[in-house]
Amino acid sequence: MVIELVMKNKLPEYLGELLKKIWEESKPVSIFVYGSMVRDDFENDSDYEIGIVYEKDKKWSRQQLKDLHNYENVKIYPFVLEELESGEIDTPFPKAIYLKTLLKSNLVVYGKKLEEIIKEVKIEKEDLIESVGFCLGRAYSAVVSSRQNDWVAVRDSFTKSALYGLQILIYIKTGKLVFSYKEIQEKSKDLISEEYKELINHVVEVRKGNVAIQNPLLYKNISFLNKVVLKEIKSI
């Protein structure tokens, strides 16, 4: 499978070799790629996000996996099989939407398919509130990072908080959970007022690296999440 993916230009050769090494040495249940590389909306500086699923008593740590390579653009995350099966994963991200994202946006390289591991996830109102709360945390982090002139962190927190806030809004309005940033942008065009269109257009251009971040829009993003997205959730 990994050879086919490398040949189809889904994975660079060096990554294929690394994943083969992880598969042979650590003997996990599954290895999969997820994130922007799978969704086909990655940028030149996007990372490869790799998930490695282990049985609980055989799990390798992040440090053990990191010791196998020195690629700056490869981020490897170990998952526990039993936690994925139960839905009770140990993650800072909102669990339901995170699991749904893993389930619908992955490319299995070795082992079990995630559809065989993760049960179908139902998203409830409290999951949406948890998600917008997480987005607000990211949005505030962007403000704090701007005061410290850490513009790499600002860009990451600013763009992801706004786009994932849009993802929630689309779900509320249409009942569909979309995953790629391109699709989020497209499907949200008719769902946001003129007041916030400048914000969203700016976020998209910032993510592409086309423009510098406008500080006032960091605060506009917080207002968008509070006054639009959270308000919509509370009206359900």
Protein backbone atom coordinates (compact mmCIF):
# COMPACT_ATOMS: atom_id res chain seq x y z
CA MET A 1 0.00 0.00 0.00
CA VAL A 2 2.71 2.50 0.96
CA ILE A 3 4.59 1.90 -2.31
CA GLU A 4 1.41 2.64 -4.28
CA LEU A 5 0.86 5.87 -2.35
CA VAL A 6 4.43 7.02 -2.93
CA MET A 7 4.17 6.26 -6.65
CA LYS A 8 0.93 8.22 -6.90
CA ASN A 9 2.70 11.22 -5.31
CA LYS A 10 0.47 11.07 -2.25
CA LEU A 11 3.56 10.69 -0.06
CA PRO A 12 7.19 11.67 -0.64
CA GLU A 13 9.60 8.75 -0.78
CA TYR A 14 11.38 9.68 2.46
CA LEU A 15 8.07 9.61 4.34
CA GLY A 16 7.17 6.23 2.85
CA GLU A 17 10.49 4.85 4.09
CA LEU A 18 9.92 6.32 7.58
CA LEU A 19 6.42 4.85 7.90
CA LYS A 20 7.69 1.45 6.76
CA LYS A 21 10.34 1.63 9.48
CA ILE A 22 7.74 2.55 12.13
CA TRP A 23 5.48 -0.29 10.99
CA GLU A 24 8.25 -2.88 11.18
CA GLU A 25 9.87 -1.71 14.41
CA SER A 26 6.94 -0.64 16.61
CA LYS A 27 4.28 -3.03 15.24
CA PRO A 28 1.21 -0.78 15.59
CA VAL A 29 -2.39 -1.60 14.69
CA SER A 30 -2.60 1.11 12.04
CA ILE A 31 -0.66 3.96 10.43
CA PHE A 32 -2.53 6.76 8.70
CA VAL A 33 -2.01 10.22 7.29
CA TYR A 34 -4.52 12.97 8.11
CA GLY A 35 -4.85 16.74 8.12
CA SER A 36 -4.42 19.14 5.22
CA MET A 37 -2.28 16.76 3.15
CA VAL A 38 -5.21 14.35 2.90
CA ARG A 39 -7.79 17.08 2.36
CA ASP A 40 -5.79 18.49 -0.58
CA ASP A 41 -5.79 22.01 0.85
CA PHE A 42 -2.22 22.07 2.12
CA GLU A 43 0.14 24.98 1.63
CA ASN A 44 3.88 24.93 0.94
CA ASP A 45 4.68 25.07 4.65
CA SER A 46 2.07 22.54 5.77
CA ASP A 47 3.18 19.55 7.83
CA TYR A 48 2.54 15.86 7.26
CA GLU A 49 0.38 14.70 10.18
CA ILE A 50 0.77 11.00 10.90
CA GLY A 51 -1.36 8.93 13.29
CA ILE A 52 -0.02 5.68 14.75
CA VAL A 53 -2.55 3.45 16.52
CA TYR A 54 -1.26 1.13 19.25
CA GLU A 55 -2.81 -1.25 21.70
CA LYS A 56 -2.65 0.37 25.14
CA ASP A 57 0.13 -1.78 26.58
CA LYS A 58 2.24 -1.55 23.39
CA LYS A 59 2.09 2.20 22.77
CA TRP A 60 5.22 4.05 21.78
CA SER A 61 5.66 7.59 23.10
CA ARG A 62 5.88 10.67 20.91
CA GLN A 63 9.55 10.97 21.83
CA GLN A 64 10.29 7.37 20.78
CA LEU A 65 8.69 8.08 17.41
CA LYS A 66 10.46 11.43 17.07
CA ASP A 67 13.80 9.69 17.67
CA LEU A 68 13.30 7.76 14.42
CA HIS A 69 13.54 10.85 12.19
CA ASN A 70 14.68 14.47 11.96
CA TYR A 71 12.14 15.84 9.45
CA GLU A 72 10.75 19.19 10.59
CA ASN A 73 7.60 18.85 8.45
CA VAL A 74 6.58 15.44 9.84
CA LYS A 75 4.44 15.40 12.99
CA ILE A 76 3.69 11.94 14.42
CA TYR A 77 0.99 11.34 17.01
CA PRO A 78 0.44 8.01 18.82
CA PHE A 79 -3.17 6.98 19.49
CA VAL A 80 -4.48 4.29 21.84
CA LEU A 81 -6.66 1.68 20.12
CA GLU A 82 -8.98 1.20 23.08
CA GLU A 83 -9.57 4.97 23.41
CA LEU A 84 -10.45 5.31 19.72
CA GLU A 85 -12.84 2.37 20.00
CA SER A 86 -14.61 3.86 23.04
CA GLY A 87 -14.52 7.44 21.78
CA GLU A 88 -12.81 8.57 24.99
CA ILE A 89 -9.58 9.84 23.50
CA ASP A 90 -7.06 11.79 25.56
CA THR A 91 -6.87 14.99 23.52
CA PRO A 92 -7.24 18.74 24.08
CA PHE A 93 -9.38 18.97 20.93
CA PRO A 94 -13.20 18.76 21.05
CA LYS A 95 -13.63 14.99 20.98
CA ALA A 96 -16.69 14.40 18.80
CA ILE A 97 -15.67 16.64 15.92
CA TYR A 98 -12.04 15.53 16.17
CA LEU A 99 -13.06 11.86 15.92
CA LYS A 100 -15.41 12.66 13.05
CA THR A 101 -12.59 14.45 11.26
CA LEU A 102 -10.20 11.52 11.73
CA LEU A 103 -12.86 9.12 10.49
CA LYS A 104 -13.73 11.08 7.36
CA SER A 105 -10.33 12.57 6.43
CA ASN A 106 -7.63 9.94 6.60
CA LEU A 107 -5.41 7.91 4.34
CA VAL A 108 -4.46 4.54 5.84
CA VAL A 109 -0.96 3.44 4.90
CA TYR A 110 -0.62 0.25 6.96
CA GLY A 111 -2.94 -1.90 9.04
CA LYS A 112 -6.57 -1.49 10.01
CA LYS A 113 -8.81 1.10 8.43
CA LEU A 114 -10.10 3.69 10.90
CA GLU A 115 -13.65 2.73 9.91
CA GLU A 116 -12.94 -0.61 11.59
CA ILE A 117 -11.80 1.12 14.78
CA ILE A 118 -13.85 4.29 15.31
CA LYS A 119 -17.60 3.98 15.68
CA GLU A 120 -19.86 6.42 13.86
CA VAL A 121 -19.85 9.66 15.84
CA LYS A 122 -22.99 11.64 16.69
CA ILE A 123 -22.54 15.37 17.25
CA GLU A 124 -24.69 16.90 19.99
CA LYS A 125 -25.30 20.52 20.98
CA GLU A 126 -22.80 20.28 23.82
CA ASP A 127 -20.16 19.14 21.33
CA LEU A 128 -20.74 22.31 19.29
CA ILE A 129 -20.45 24.48 22.40
CA GLU A 130 -17.23 22.69 23.34
CA SER A 131 -15.90 23.29 19.83
CA VAL A 132 -16.65 27.01 19.71
CA GLY A 133 -15.12 27.36 23.19
CA PHE A 134 -11.96 25.77 21.85
CA CYS A 135 -12.02 28.15 18.87
CA LEU A 136 -12.34 31.11 21.23
CA GLY A 137 -9.34 29.85 23.16
CA ARG A 138 -7.35 29.71 19.95
CA ALA A 139 -8.56 33.17 18.94
CA TYR A 140 -7.43 34.63 22.27
CA SER A 141 -4.11 32.80 21.93
CA ALA A 142 -3.62 34.64 18.62
CA VAL A 143 -4.08 37.96 20.41
CA VAL A 144 -1.60 37.06 23.14
CA SER A 145 0.95 35.79 20.59
CA SER A 146 0.64 39.05 18.64
CA ARG A 147 1.70 40.97 21.74
CA GLN A 148 4.78 38.76 21.92
CA ASN A 149 5.48 39.21 18.18
CA ASP A 150 5.22 35.46 17.61
CA TRP A 151 3.62 35.73 14.18
CA VAL A 152 3.95 32.04 13.34
CA ALA A 153 1.75 31.20 16.33
CA VAL A 154 -0.60 34.11 15.52
CA ARG A 155 -1.14 32.87 11.99
CA ASP A 156 -1.86 29.31 13.12
CA SER A 157 -4.27 30.23 15.93
CA PHE A 158 -5.99 33.03 14.01
CA THR A 159 -6.68 31.06 10.84
CA LYS A 160 -7.69 27.80 12.51
CA SER A 161 -10.01 29.45 15.04
CA ALA A 162 -11.88 31.33 12.31
CA LEU A 163 -12.06 28.45 9.83
CA TYR A 164 -13.14 25.88 12.39
CA GLY A 165 -15.69 28.38 13.68
CA LEU A 166 -17.03 28.52 10.12
CA GLN A 167 -17.07 24.73 10.06
CA ILE A 168 -19.40 24.74 13.06
CA LEU A 169 -21.62 27.41 11.51
CA ILE A 170 -21.94 25.40 8.29
CA TYR A 171 -22.90 22.32 10.31
CA ILE A 172 -25.59 24.22 12.21
CA LYS A 173 -27.04 25.74 9.04
CA THR A 174 -26.82 22.73 6.71
CA GLY A 175 -26.44 19.64 8.88
CA LYS A 176 -23.24 18.76 7.01
CA LEU A 177 -19.77 18.65 8.52
CA VAL A 178 -17.21 19.71 5.91
CA PHE A 179 -13.51 19.24 6.46
CA SER A 180 -11.31 20.89 3.84
CA TYR A 181 -10.55 24.58 4.22
CA LYS A 182 -11.49 25.10 0.58
CA GLU A 183 -14.92 23.58 1.12
CA ILE A 184 -15.42 25.50 4.35
CA GLN A 185 -14.70 28.75 2.53
CA GLU A 186 -16.98 27.87 -0.39
CA LYS A 187 -19.97 26.66 1.64
CA SER A 188 -19.83 29.58 4.08
CA LYS A 189 -20.12 32.33 1.44
CA ASP A 190 -23.90 32.66 1.77
CA LEU A 191 -23.94 32.07 5.53
CA ILE A 192 -22.03 35.09 6.80
CA SER A 193 -23.09 38.73 6.81
CA GLU A 194 -21.23 41.53 5.07
CA GLU A 195 -19.92 42.57 8.49
CA TYR A 196 -17.68 39.49 8.69
CA LYS A 197 -16.84 38.81 5.04
CA GLU A 198 -13.71 40.96 5.23
CA LEU A 199 -12.55 38.88 8.20
CA ILE A 200 -13.02 35.56 6.42
CA ASN A 201 -11.39 36.75 3.20
CA HIS A 202 -8.46 38.04 5.25
CA VAL A 203 -8.13 34.72 7.10
CA VAL A 204 -7.97 32.81 3.81
CA GLU A 205 -5.29 35.11 2.41
CA VAL A 206 -3.28 34.95 5.65
CA ARG A 207 -3.32 31.15 5.55
CA LYS A 208 -2.01 31.24 1.97
CA GLY A 209 0.76 33.59 3.06
CA ASN A 210 -0.42 36.35 0.73
CA VAL A 211 -0.95 39.15 3.26
CA ALA A 212 0.25 40.34 6.65
CA ILE A 213 -2.12 39.93 9.59
CA GLN A 214 -4.24 42.95 10.46
CA ASN A 215 -4.34 43.23 14.25
CA PRO A 216 -7.89 44.64 14.49
CA LEU A 217 -9.20 41.52 12.76
CA LEU A 218 -7.82 39.35 15.57
CA TYR A 219 -10.47 40.96 17.80
CA LYS A 220 -13.08 40.84 15.02
CA ASN A 221 -12.53 37.09 14.94
CA ILE A 222 -13.45 36.81 18.64
CA SER A 223 -16.61 38.81 17.97
CA PHE A 224 -17.47 36.53 15.05
CA LEU A 225 -17.17 33.44 17.21
CA ASN A 226 -19.20 34.97 20.05
CA LYS A 227 -21.86 36.96 18.20
CA VAL A 228 -22.42 34.67 15.23
CA VAL A 229 -21.33 31.08 15.86
CA LEU A 230 -22.07 30.77 19.59
CA LYS A 231 -25.31 32.68 19.16
CA GLU A 232 -26.43 30.22 16.49
CA ILE A 233 -25.62 27.26 18.72
CA LYS A 234 -27.62 28.69 21.60
CA SER A 235 -30.63 29.18 19.31
CA ILE A 236 -30.82 25.44 18.51
